[in-house]
PDB file of N, CA and C in Angstrom:
ATOM      1  N   MET A   1       0.837  -1.168   0.000  1.00  0.00           N
ATOM      2  CA  MET A   1       0.000   0.000   0.000  1.00  0.00           C
ATOM      3  C   MET A   1       0.888   1.240   0.000  1.00  0.00           C
ATOM      4  N   GLU A   2       0.577   2.165  -0.840  1.00  0.00           N
ATOM      5  CA  GLU A   2       1.345   3.392  -0.924  1.00  0.00           C
ATOM      6  C   GLU A   2       0.487   4.549  -0.415  1.00  0.00           C
ATOM      7  N   VAL A   3       1.080   5.368   0.470  1.00  0.00           N
ATOM      8  CA  VAL A   3       0.388   6.556   0.972  1.00  0.00           C
ATOM      9  C   VAL A   3       1.312   7.756   0.827  1.00  0.00           C
ATOM     10  N   SER A   4       0.729   8.923   0.735  1.00  0.00           N
ATOM     11  CA  SER A   4       1.511  10.148   0.577  1.00  0.00           C
ATOM     12  C   SER A   4       1.822  10.772   1.926  1.00  0.00           C
ATOM     13  N   ILE A   5       2.963  11.431   1.973  1.00  0.00           N
ATOM     14  CA  ILE A   5       3.343  12.220   3.142  1.00  0.00           C
ATOM     15  C   ILE A   5       2.669  13.586   2.958  1.00  0.00           C
ATOM     16  N   ILE A   6       1.949  14.052   3.992  1.00  0.00           N
ATOM     17  CA  ILE A   6       1.210  15.307   3.884  1.00  0.00           C
ATOM     18  C   ILE A   6       1.730  16.324   4.894  1.00  0.00           C
ATOM     19  N   PRO A   7       1.663  17.611   4.551  1.00  0.00           N
ATOM     20  CA  PRO A   7       2.085  18.634   5.516  1.00  0.00           C
ATOM     21  C   PRO A   7       1.069  18.791   6.641  1.00  0.00           C
ATOM     22  N   ILE A   8       1.587  18.910   7.862  1.00  0.00           N
ATOM     23  CA  ILE A   8       0.765  19.178   9.047  1.00  0.00           C
ATOM     24  C   ILE A   8       1.494  20.267   9.823  1.00  0.00           C
ATOM     25  N   GLY A   9       1.122  21.522   9.594  1.00  0.00           N
ATOM     26  CA  GLY A   9       1.840  22.634  10.212  1.00  0.00           C
ATOM     27  C   GLY A   9       3.279  22.656   9.721  1.00  0.00           C
ATOM     28  N   ASN A  10       4.219  22.684  10.683  1.00  0.00           N
ATOM     29  CA  ASN A  10       5.644  22.652  10.323  1.00  0.00           C
ATOM     30  C   ASN A  10       6.168  21.225  10.184  1.00  0.00           C
ATOM     31  N   SER A  11       5.322  20.254  10.408  1.00  0.00           N
ATOM     32  CA  SER A  11       5.721  18.847  10.340  1.00  0.00           C
ATOM     33  C   SER A  11       5.093  18.186   9.124  1.00  0.00           C
ATOM     34  N   LYS A  12       5.269  16.889   9.042  1.00  0.00           N
ATOM     35  CA  LYS A  12       4.636  16.091   7.987  1.00  0.00           C
ATOM     36  C   LYS A  12       4.067  14.838   8.625  1.00  0.00           C
ATOM     37  N   GLY A  13       3.097  14.244   7.981  1.00  0.00           N
ATOM     38  CA  GLY A  13       2.463  13.066   8.559  1.00  0.00           C
ATOM     39  C   GLY A  13       1.900  12.145   7.502  1.00  0.00           C
ATOM     40  N   LEU A  14       1.297  11.057   7.973  1.00  0.00           N
ATOM     41  CA  LEU A  14       0.641  10.067   7.118  1.00  0.00           C
ATOM     42  C   LEU A  14      -0.853  10.121   7.381  1.00  0.00           C
ATOM     43  N   ARG A  15      -1.638   9.948   6.353  1.00  0.00           N
ATOM     44  CA  ARG A  15      -3.085   9.835   6.520  1.00  0.00           C
ATOM     45  C   ARG A  15      -3.442   8.367   6.322  1.00  0.00           C
ATOM     46  N   LEU A  16      -4.039   7.763   7.352  1.00  0.00           N
ATOM     47  CA  LEU A  16      -4.415   6.349   7.283  1.00  0.00           C
ATOM     48  C   LEU A  16      -5.920   6.251   7.037  1.00  0.00           C
ATOM     49  N   SER A  17      -6.327   5.344   6.181  1.00  0.00           N
ATOM     50  CA  SER A  17      -7.744   5.193   5.849  1.00  0.00           C
ATOM     51  C   SER A  17      -8.531   4.637   7.034  1.00  0.00           C
ATOM     52  N   LYS A  18      -9.820   4.905   7.032  1.00  0.00           N
ATOM     53  CA  LYS A  18     -10.716   4.405   8.079  1.00  0.00           C
ATOM     54  C   LYS A  18     -10.669   2.876   8.127  1.00  0.00           C
ATOM     55  N   ASP A  19     -10.655   2.240   6.959  1.00  0.00           N
ATOM     56  CA  ASP A  19     -10.598   0.775   6.882  1.00  0.00           C
ATOM     57  C   ASP A  19      -9.347   0.224   7.563  1.00  0.00           C
ATOM     58  N   LEU A  20      -8.222   0.861   7.304  1.00  0.00           N
ATOM     59  CA  LEU A  20      -6.959   0.433   7.909  1.00  0.00           C
ATOM     60  C   LEU A  20      -6.985   0.619   9.427  1.00  0.00           C
ATOM     61  N   LEU A  21      -7.508   1.744   9.886  1.00  0.00           N
ATOM     62  CA  LEU A  21      -7.603   2.009  11.324  1.00  0.00           C
ATOM     63  C   LEU A  21      -8.488   0.980  12.018  1.00  0.00           C
ATOM     64  N   GLU A  22      -9.606   0.654  11.400  1.00  0.00           N
ATOM     65  CA  GLU A  22     -10.523  -0.335  11.980  1.00  0.00           C
ATOM     66  C   GLU A  22      -9.929  -1.740  11.956  1.00  0.00           C
ATOM     67  N   ARG A  23      -9.312  -2.106  10.837  1.00  0.00           N
ATOM     68  CA  ARG A  23      -8.754  -3.453  10.686  1.00  0.00           C
ATOM     69  C   ARG A  23      -7.687  -3.752  11.740  1.00  0.00           C
ATOM     70  N   TYR A  24      -6.863  -2.748  12.062  1.00  0.00           N
ATOM     71  CA  TYR A  24      -5.774  -2.957  13.012  1.00  0.00           C
ATOM     72  C   TYR A  24      -6.060  -2.354  14.387  1.00  0.00           C
ATOM     73  N   ASN A  25      -7.311  -1.979  14.609  1.00  0.00           N
ATOM     74  CA  ASN A  25      -7.763  -1.483  15.912  1.00  0.00           C
ATOM     75  C   ASN A  25      -6.900  -0.318  16.408  1.00  0.00           C
ATOM     76  N   ILE A  26      -6.639   0.625  15.529  1.00  0.00           N
ATOM     77  CA  ILE A  26      -5.861   1.805  15.884  1.00  0.00           C
ATOM     78  C   ILE A  26      -6.838   2.882  16.326  1.00  0.00           C
ATOM     79  N   LYS A  27      -6.678   3.350  17.570  1.00  0.00           N
ATOM     80  CA  LYS A  27      -7.585   4.355  18.133  1.00  0.00           C
ATOM     81  C   LYS A  27      -6.925   5.727  18.121  1.00  0.00           C
ATOM     82  N   ASP A  28      -6.328   6.123  19.232  1.00  0.00           N
ATOM     83  CA  ASP A  28      -5.772   7.468  19.378  1.00  0.00           C
ATOM     84  C   ASP A  28      -4.252   7.519  19.273  1.00  0.00           C
ATOM     85  N   LYS A  29      -3.577   6.423  19.627  1.00  0.00           N
ATOM     86  CA  LYS A  29      -2.116   6.436  19.675  1.00  0.00           C
ATOM     87  C   LYS A  29      -1.554   5.160  19.075  1.00  0.00           C
ATOM     88  N   VAL A  30      -0.327   5.266  18.547  1.00  0.00           N
ATOM     89  CA  VAL A  30       0.419   4.098  18.085  1.00  0.00           C
ATOM     90  C   VAL A  30       1.838   4.192  18.644  1.00  0.00           C
ATOM     91  N   GLU A  31       2.453   3.047  18.789  1.00  0.00           N
ATOM     92  CA  GLU A  31       3.870   2.990  19.157  1.00  0.00           C
ATOM     93  C   GLU A  31       4.663   2.923  17.860  1.00  0.00           C
ATOM     94  N   ILE A  32       5.715   3.727  17.759  1.00  0.00           N
ATOM     95  CA  ILE A  32       6.577   3.699  16.575  1.00  0.00           C
ATOM     96  C   ILE A  32       7.817   2.884  16.909  1.00  0.00           C
ATOM     97  N   ILE A  33       8.062   1.848  16.123  1.00  0.00           N
ATOM     98  CA  ILE A  33       9.211   0.969  16.318  1.00  0.00           C
ATOM     99  C   ILE A  33      10.113   1.118  15.092  1.00  0.00           C
ATOM    100  N   LEU A  34      11.365   1.482  15.327  1.00  0.00           N
ATOM    101  CA  LEU A  34      12.339   1.601  14.241  1.00  0.00           C
ATOM    102  C   LEU A  34      13.199   0.347  14.253  1.00  0.00           C
ATOM    103  N   GLU A  35      13.151  -0.415  13.154  1.00  0.00           N
ATOM    104  CA  GLU A  35      13.807  -1.720  13.147  1.00  0.00           C
ATOM    105  C   GLU A  35      14.310  -2.066  11.749  1.00  0.00           C
ATOM    106  N   LYS A  36      15.618  -2.238  11.632  1.00  0.00           N
ATOM    107  CA  LYS A  36      16.231  -2.703  10.374  1.00  0.00           C
ATOM    108  C   LYS A  36      15.757  -1.913   9.159  1.00  0.00           C
ATOM    109  N   GLY A  37      15.816  -0.588   9.240  1.00  0.00           N
ATOM    110  CA  GLY A  37      15.435   0.236   8.109  1.00  0.00           C
ATOM    111  C   GLY A  37      13.939   0.307   7.857  1.00  0.00           C
ATOM    112  N   ARG A  38      13.149  -0.097   8.828  1.00  0.00           N
ATOM    113  CA  ARG A  38      11.688  -0.067   8.690  1.00  0.00           C
ATOM    114  C   ARG A  38      11.082   0.757   9.815  1.00  0.00           C
ATOM    115  N   ILE A  39       9.926   1.316   9.553  1.00  0.00           N
ATOM    116  CA  ILE A  39       9.142   1.996  10.579  1.00  0.00           C
ATOM    117  C   ILE A  39       7.888   1.163  10.784  1.00  0.00           C
ATOM    118  N   ILE A  40       7.682   0.703  12.007  1.00  0.00           N
ATOM    119  CA  ILE A  40       6.535  -0.141  12.328  1.00  0.00           C
ATOM    120  C   ILE A  40       5.607   0.644  13.238  1.00  0.00           C
ATOM    121  N   LEU A  41       4.330   0.700  12.872  1.00  0.00           N
ATOM    122  CA  LEU A  41       3.319   1.328  13.712  1.00  0.00           C
ATOM    123  C   LEU A  41       2.559   0.226  14.434  1.00  0.00           C
ATOM    124  N   LYS A  42       2.554   0.272  15.761  1.00  0.00           N
ATOM    125  CA  LYS A  42       1.890  -0.755  16.554  1.00  0.00           C
ATOM    126  C   LYS A  42       0.795  -0.098  17.392  1.00  0.00           C
ATOM    127  N   PRO A  43      -0.455  -0.575  17.263  1.00  0.00           N
ATOM    128  CA  PRO A  43      -1.534   0.011  18.063  1.00  0.00           C
ATOM    129  C   PRO A  43      -1.227  -0.107  19.558  1.00  0.00           C
ATOM    130  N   ILE A  44      -1.568   0.926  20.302  1.00  0.00           N
ATOM    131  CA  ILE A  44      -1.408   0.889  21.757  1.00  0.00           C
ATOM    132  C   ILE A  44      -2.750   0.486  22.346  1.00  0.00           C
ATOM    133  N   SER A  45      -2.747  -0.614  23.047  1.00  0.00           N
ATOM    134  CA  SER A  45      -3.956  -1.136  23.659  1.00  0.00           C
ATOM    135  C   SER A  45      -3.966  -0.778  25.140  1.00  0.00           C
ATOM    136  N   GLN A  46      -5.097  -0.294  25.620  1.00  0.00           N
ATOM    137  CA  GLN A  46      -5.254   0.029  27.034  1.00  0.00           C
ATOM    138  C   GLN A  46      -6.517  -0.665  27.552  1.00  0.00           C
ATOM    139  N   PRO A  47      -6.462  -1.988  27.694  1.00  0.00           N
ATOM    140  CA  PRO A  47      -7.676  -2.719  28.068  1.00  0.00           C
ATOM    141  C   PRO A  47      -8.220  -2.375  29.448  1.00  0.00           C
ATOM    142  N   ARG A  48      -7.391  -1.827  30.339  1.00  0.00           N
ATOM    143  CA  ARG A  48      -7.860  -1.510  31.685  1.00  0.00           C
ATOM    144  C   ARG A  48      -8.057  -0.012  31.902  1.00  0.00           C
ATOM    145  N   LYS A  49      -8.097   0.732  30.806  1.00  0.00           N
ATOM    146  CA  LYS A  49      -8.265   2.175  30.895  1.00  0.00           C
ATOM    147  C   LYS A  49      -9.598   2.495  31.585  1.00  0.00           C
ATOM    148  N   GLY A  50      -9.550   3.360  32.582  1.00  0.00           N
ATOM    149  CA  GLY A  50     -10.756   3.767  33.290  1.00  0.00           C
ATOM    150  C   GLY A  50     -11.119   2.895  34.479  1.00  0.00           C
ATOM    151  N   TRP A  51     -10.391   1.799  34.691  1.00  0.00           N
ATOM    152  CA  TRP A  51     -10.717   0.918  35.812  1.00  0.00           C
ATOM    153  C   TRP A  51     -10.562   1.634  37.146  1.00  0.00           C
ATOM    154  N   ASP A  52      -9.545   2.503  37.283  1.00  0.00           N
ATOM    155  CA  ASP A  52      -9.328   3.188  38.552  1.00  0.00           C
ATOM    156  C   ASP A  52     -10.541   4.030  38.933  1.00  0.00           C
ATOM    157  N   LYS A  53     -11.133   4.717  37.983  1.00  0.00           N
ATOM    158  CA  LYS A  53     -12.323   5.526  38.259  1.00  0.00           C
ATOM    159  C   LYS A  53     -13.520   4.639  38.575  1.00  0.00           C
ATOM    160  N   ALA A  54     -13.651   3.539  37.855  1.00  0.00           N
ATOM    161  CA  ALA A  54     -14.761   2.619  38.091  1.00  0.00           C
ATOM    162  C   ALA A  54     -14.661   1.997  39.485  1.00  0.00           C
ATOM    163  N   PHE A  55     -13.447   1.611  39.904  1.00  0.00           N
ATOM    164  CA  PHE A  55     -13.267   1.031  41.231  1.00  0.00           C
ATOM    165  C   PHE A  55     -13.539   2.060  42.326  1.00  0.00           C
ATOM    166  N   ALA A  56     -13.101   3.310  42.105  1.00  0.00           N
ATOM    167  CA  ALA A  56     -13.355   4.368  43.087  1.00  0.00           C
ATOM    168  C   ALA A  56     -14.857   4.603  43.233  1.00  0.00           C
ATOM    169  N   LYS A  57     -15.581   4.593  42.114  1.00  0.00           N
ATOM    170  CA  LYS A  57     -17.033   4.764  42.151  1.00  0.00           C
ATOM    171  C   LYS A  57     -17.703   3.601  42.885  1.00  0.00           C
ATOM    172  N   MET A  58     -17.241   2.368  42.609  1.00  0.00           N
ATOM    173  CA  MET A  58     -17.795   1.201  43.298  1.00  0.00           C
ATOM    174  C   MET A  58     -17.583   1.316  44.808  1.00  0.00           C
ATOM    175  N   HIS A  59     -16.390   1.751  45.211  1.00  0.00           N
ATOM    176  CA  HIS A  59     -16.082   1.879  46.637  1.00  0.00           C
ATOM    177  C   HIS A  59     -16.971   2.951  47.275  1.00  0.00           C
ATOM    178  N   LYS A  60     -17.118   4.066  46.596  1.00  0.00           N
ATOM    179  CA  LYS A  60     -17.939   5.167  47.113  1.00  0.00           C
ATOM    180  C   LYS A  60     -19.391   4.729  47.297  1.00  0.00           C
ATOM    181  N   GLU A  61     -19.885   3.891  46.389  1.00  0.00           N
ATOM    182  CA  GLU A  61     -21.269   3.423  46.440  1.00  0.00           C
ATOM    183  C   GLU A  61     -21.427   2.148  47.271  1.00  0.00           C
ATOM    184  N   GLY A  62     -20.322   1.677  47.887  1.00  0.00           N
ATOM    185  CA  GLY A  62     -20.385   0.472  48.714  1.00  0.00           C
ATOM    186  C   GLY A  62     -20.616  -0.791  47.923  1.00  0.00           C
ATOM    187  N   ASP A  63     -20.216  -0.792  46.689  1.00  0.00           N
ATOM    188  CA  ASP A  63     -20.453  -1.937  45.813  1.00  0.00           C
ATOM    189  C   ASP A  63     -19.157  -2.691  45.512  1.00  0.00           C
ATOM    190  N   ASP A  64     -18.222  -2.679  46.457  1.00  0.00           N
ATOM    191  CA  ASP A  64     -16.933  -3.341  46.231  1.00  0.00           C
ATOM    192  C   ASP A  64     -16.696  -4.488  47.208  1.00  0.00           C
ATOM    193  N   HIS A  65     -17.751  -5.177  47.587  1.00  0.00           N
ATOM    194  CA  HIS A  65     -17.598  -6.309  48.501  1.00  0.00           C
ATOM    195  C   HIS A  65     -17.367  -7.611  47.721  1.00  0.00           C
ATOM    196  N   LEU A  66     -16.804  -8.596  48.394  1.00  0.00           N
ATOM    197  CA  LEU A  66     -16.544  -9.886  47.750  1.00  0.00           C
ATOM    198  C   LEU A  66     -17.854 -10.603  47.452  1.00  0.00           C
ATOM    199  N   LEU A  67     -17.920 -11.253  46.315  1.00  0.00           N
ATOM    200  CA  LEU A  67     -19.112 -12.017  45.957  1.00  0.00           C
ATOM    201  C   LEU A  67     -19.080 -13.415  46.559  1.00  0.00           C
ATOM    202  N   MET A  68     -17.881 -13.864  46.929  1.00  0.00           N
ATOM    203  CA  MET A  68     -17.743 -15.164  47.598  1.00  0.00           C
ATOM    204  C   MET A  68     -16.571 -15.062  48.569  1.00  0.00           C
ATOM    205  N   ASN A  69     -16.572 -15.894  49.567  1.00  0.00           N
ATOM    206  CA  ASN A  69     -15.485 -15.884  50.541  1.00  0.00           C
ATOM    207  C   ASN A  69     -14.169 -16.237  49.864  1.00  0.00           C
ATOM    208  N   ASP A  70     -13.100 -15.603  50.317  1.00  0.00           N
ATOM    209  CA  ASP A  70     -11.800 -15.921  49.730  1.00  0.00           C
ATOM    210  C   ASP A  70     -11.159 -17.132  50.412  1.00  0.00           C
ATOM    211  N   VAL A  71     -11.721 -17.586  51.516  1.00  0.00           N
ATOM    212  CA  VAL A  71     -11.268 -18.798  52.198  1.00  0.00           C
ATOM    213  C   VAL A  71     -12.500 -19.671  52.418  1.00  0.00           C
ATOM    214  N   PHE A  72     -12.413 -20.923  52.013  1.00  0.00           N
ATOM    215  CA  PHE A  72     -13.540 -21.829  52.168  1.00  0.00           C
ATOM    216  C   PHE A  72     -13.443 -22.567  53.497  1.00  0.00           C
ATOM    217  N   GLU A  73     -14.570 -22.930  54.035  1.00  0.00           N
ATOM    218  CA  GLU A  73     -14.626 -23.574  55.353  1.00  0.00           C
ATOM    219  C   GLU A  73     -13.855 -24.886  55.402  1.00  0.00           C
ATOM    220  N   ASP A  74     -13.813 -25.634  54.317  1.00  0.00           N
ATOM    221  CA  ASP A  74     -13.172 -26.948  54.320  1.00  0.00           C
ATOM    222  C   ASP A  74     -11.709 -26.915  53.881  1.00  0.00           C
ATOM    223  N   GLU A  75     -11.118 -25.716  53.773  1.00  0.00           N
ATOM    224  CA  GLU A  75      -9.718 -25.644  53.374  1.00  0.00           C
ATOM    225  C   GLU A  75      -8.810 -26.083  54.513  1.00  0.00           C
ATOM    226  N   ASN A  76      -7.753 -26.799  54.162  1.00  0.00           N
ATOM    227  CA  ASN A  76      -6.799 -27.285  55.140  1.00  0.00           C
ATOM    228  C   ASN A  76      -5.454 -26.606  54.875  1.00  0.00           C
ATOM    229  N   PHE A  77      -5.085 -25.680  55.762  1.00  0.00           N
ATOM    230  CA  PHE A  77      -3.848 -24.950  55.567  1.00  0.00           C
ATOM    231  C   PHE A  77      -2.625 -25.707  56.099  1.00  0.00           C
ATOM    232  N   ASP A  78      -2.832 -26.825  56.770  1.00  0.00           N
ATOM    233  CA  ASP A  78      -1.718 -27.617  57.303  1.00  0.00           C
ATOM    234  C   ASP A  78      -0.845 -28.162  56.176  1.00  0.00           C
ATOM    235  N   GLU A  79      -1.427 -28.478  55.055  1.00  0.00           N
ATOM    236  CA  GLU A  79      -0.656 -29.051  53.938  1.00  0.00           C
ATOM    237  C   GLU A  79       0.316 -28.037  53.331  1.00  0.00           C
ATOM    238  N   TRP A  80       0.183 -26.763  53.649  1.00  0.00           N
ATOM    239  CA  TRP A  80       1.056 -25.718  53.106  1.00  0.00           C
ATOM    240  C   TRP A  80       2.240 -25.444  54.005  1.00  0.00           C
ATOM    241  N   GLU A  81       2.294 -26.070  55.133  1.00  0.00           N
ATOM    242  CA  GLU A  81       3.406 -25.815  56.082  1.00  0.00           C
ATOM    243  C   GLU A  81       4.620 -26.656  55.769  1.00  0.00           C
TER     244      GLU A  81
END
């Protein structure tokens, strides 16, 4: 695929098609990797983005309790000694 370099203010950039952005799940940022005479654009994934705010909201609303006990009644801790 061939794309043109376009002026952006005092810099230059690439324009990527909507299809290409969707196919490779490119959102707002990419990582640029320079390797063996090549420029590689790698999508930056942030799967846990916003979790800190969601957890703070859950805590504020009292909705951050365990759904099940973390220790079961029939557990035997002697085998771990």
